[in-house]
C-alpha atoms as a PDB file:
ATOM      1  CA  MET A   1       0.000   0.000   0.000  1.00  0.00           C
ATOM      2  CA  THR A   2       1.368   3.380  -0.975  1.00  0.00           C
ATOM      3  CA  PRO A   3       1.324   6.351   1.417  1.00  0.00           C
ATOM      4  CA  GLU A   4      -1.363   7.999  -0.718  1.00  0.00           C
ATOM      5  CA  GLU A   5      -3.610   4.916  -0.547  1.00  0.00           C
ATOM      6  CA  PHE A   6      -3.141   4.786   3.221  1.00  0.00           C
ATOM      7  CA  TYR A   7      -4.046   8.463   3.540  1.00  0.00           C
ATOM      8  CA  TRP A   8      -7.262   8.142   1.546  1.00  0.00           C
ATOM      9  CA  LYS A   9      -8.265   4.832   3.145  1.00  0.00           C
ATOM     10  CA  ASP A  10      -8.228   6.521   6.523  1.00  0.00           C
ATOM     11  CA  LYS A  11     -10.188   9.538   5.262  1.00  0.00           C
ATOM     12  CA  ILE A  12     -12.856   7.509   3.451  1.00  0.00           C
ATOM     13  CA  GLN A  13     -13.593   5.469   6.560  1.00  0.00           C
ATOM     14  CA  ASN A  14     -14.390   8.698   8.387  1.00  0.00           C
ATOM     15  CA  LEU A  15     -16.806  10.023   5.750  1.00  0.00           C
ATOM     16  CA  ASP A  16     -20.509   9.371   5.730  1.00  0.00           C
ATOM     17  CA  LEU A  17     -20.980   7.385   2.542  1.00  0.00           C
ATOM     18  CA  THR A  18     -24.537   8.619   2.119  1.00  0.00           C
ATOM     19  CA  GLU A  19     -23.256  12.184   1.850  1.00  0.00           C
ATOM     20  CA  VAL A  20     -20.699  11.126  -0.728  1.00  0.00           C
ATOM     21  CA  ARG A  21     -23.392   9.340  -2.695  1.00  0.00           C
ATOM     22  CA  LEU A  22     -25.698  12.366  -2.646  1.00  0.00           C
ATOM     23  CA  ASN A  23     -22.912  14.644  -3.843  1.00  0.00           C
ATOM     24  CA  SER A  24     -22.039  12.241  -6.633  1.00  0.00           C
ATOM     25  CA  LEU A  25     -25.672  12.101  -7.790  1.00  0.00           C
ATOM     26  CA  GLY A  26     -25.649  15.852  -8.261  1.00  0.00           C
ATOM     27  CA  TRP A  27     -22.418  15.555 -10.203  1.00  0.00           C
ATOM     28  CA  VAL A  28     -23.830  12.768 -12.403  1.00  0.00           C
ATOM     29  CA  LEU A  29     -26.916  14.851 -13.167  1.00  0.00           C
ATOM     30  CA  ASP A  30     -24.729  17.817 -14.057  1.00  0.00           C
ATOM     31  CA  CYS A  31     -22.556  15.651 -16.337  1.00  0.00           C
ATOM     32  CA  TYR A  32     -25.659  14.302 -18.077  1.00  0.00           C
ATOM     33  CA  ASN A  33     -26.998  17.817 -18.648  1.00  0.00           C
ATOM     34  CA  ARG A  34     -23.637  18.860 -20.141  1.00  0.00           C
ATOM     35  CA  GLY A  35     -23.632  15.797 -22.377  1.00  0.00           C
ATOM     36  CA  THR A  36     -20.503  14.144 -20.967  1.00  0.00           C
ATOM     37  CA  ILE A  37     -22.256  10.971 -19.752  1.00  0.00           C
ATOM     38  CA  ARG A  38     -24.921   8.874 -21.426  1.00  0.00           C
ATOM     39  CA  LYS A  39     -28.247   7.753 -20.007  1.00  0.00           C
ATOM     40  CA  ARG A  40     -27.307   4.123 -20.635  1.00  0.00           C
ATOM     41  CA  THR A  41     -24.126   4.473 -18.583  1.00  0.00           C
ATOM     42  CA  ILE A  42     -26.017   5.973 -15.662  1.00  0.00           C
ATOM     43  CA  LYS A  43     -28.599   3.176 -15.761  1.00  0.00           C
ATOM     44  CA  GLN A  44     -25.817   0.582 -15.655  1.00  0.00           C
ATOM     45  CA  LEU A  45     -24.046   2.231 -12.724  1.00  0.00           C
ATOM     46  CA  ILE A  46     -26.995   3.349 -10.592  1.00  0.00           C
ATOM     47  CA  PRO A  47     -29.953   0.962 -10.263  1.00  0.00           C
ATOM     48  CA  LYS A  48     -33.387   2.571 -10.134  1.00  0.00           C
ATOM     49  CA  GLY A  49     -34.307   0.669  -6.971  1.00  0.00           C
ATOM     50  CA  SER A  50     -31.373   2.061  -5.030  1.00  0.00           C
ATOM     51  CA  LEU A  51     -32.349   5.592  -6.010  1.00  0.00           C
ATOM     52  CA  GLU A  52     -35.919   4.964  -4.909  1.00  0.00           C
ATOM     53  CA  ASN A  53     -34.700   3.631  -1.552  1.00  0.00           C
ATOM     54  CA  LEU A  54     -32.428   6.641  -1.114  1.00  0.00           C
ATOM     55  CA  LEU A  55     -35.345   8.953  -1.920  1.00  0.00           C
ATOM     56  CA  ILE A  56     -37.475   7.323   0.772  1.00  0.00           C
ATOM     57  CA  GLN A  57     -34.597   7.586   3.247  1.00  0.00           C
ATOM     58  CA  MET A  58     -34.121  11.296   2.521  1.00  0.00           C
ATOM     59  CA  GLU A  59     -37.875  11.946   2.804  1.00  0.00           C
ATOM     60  CA  ASP A  60     -37.856  10.304   6.232  1.00  0.00           C
ATOM     61  CA  LEU A  61     -34.963  12.562   7.271  1.00  0.00           C
ATOM     62  CA  GLU A  62     -36.817  15.566   5.792  1.00  0.00           C
ATOM     63  CA  ARG A  63     -33.878  16.437   3.542  1.00  0.00           C
ATOM     64  CA  TYR A  64     -35.993  17.775   0.731  1.00  0.00           C
ATOM     65  CA  GLU A  65     -33.166  19.515  -1.149  1.00  0.00           C
ATOM     66  CA  ASP A  66     -31.544  16.114  -1.638  1.00  0.00           C
ATOM     67  CA  CYS A  67     -34.916  14.654  -2.607  1.00  0.00           C
ATOM     68  CA  ILE A  68     -35.116  17.162  -5.444  1.00  0.00           C
ATOM     69  CA  THR A  69     -31.812  15.951  -6.906  1.00  0.00           C
ATOM     70  CA  ILE A  70     -32.784  12.283  -6.608  1.00  0.00           C
ATOM     71  CA  LYS A  71     -36.257  12.858  -8.067  1.00  0.00           C
ATOM     72  CA  GLU A  72     -34.821  14.889 -10.938  1.00  0.00           C
ATOM     73  CA  LEU A  73     -32.374  12.094 -11.754  1.00  0.00           C
ATOM     74  CA  LEU A  74     -35.182   9.509 -11.626  1.00  0.00           C
ATOM     75  CA  ASP A  75     -37.400  11.622 -13.880  1.00  0.00           C
ATOM     76  CA  ILE A  76     -34.727  12.390 -16.457  1.00  0.00           C
ATOM     77  CA  ILE A  77     -33.009   9.017 -16.638  1.00  0.00           C
ATOM     78  CA  TYR A  78     -35.656   6.433 -15.851  1.00  0.00           C
ATOM     79  CA  THR A  79     -38.866   8.000 -17.192  1.00  0.00           C
ATOM     80  CA  PRO A  80     -39.315   7.110 -20.870  1.00  0.00           C
ATOM     81  CA  LEU A  81     -40.262   9.873 -23.261  1.00  0.00           C
ATOM     82  CA  ASN A  82     -43.373   9.186 -25.317  1.00  0.00           C
END
């Protein structure tokens, strides 16, 4: 293990992974809107069920700003256009 790997391993263990996940969802949505990531790639990396579970969890915690990001991602990526 390199010193850099050791440094980050220690830091990641101290982070709340839910917060990291929420921040990355905002980043993914931004990348999709800029056209640097495809819908198919997002669907392969982030299952719809896990987003729905996260949305329920955030609603229970009354973190509605995060709910907006999750709901927007669900609507844009997983709702088919007719």
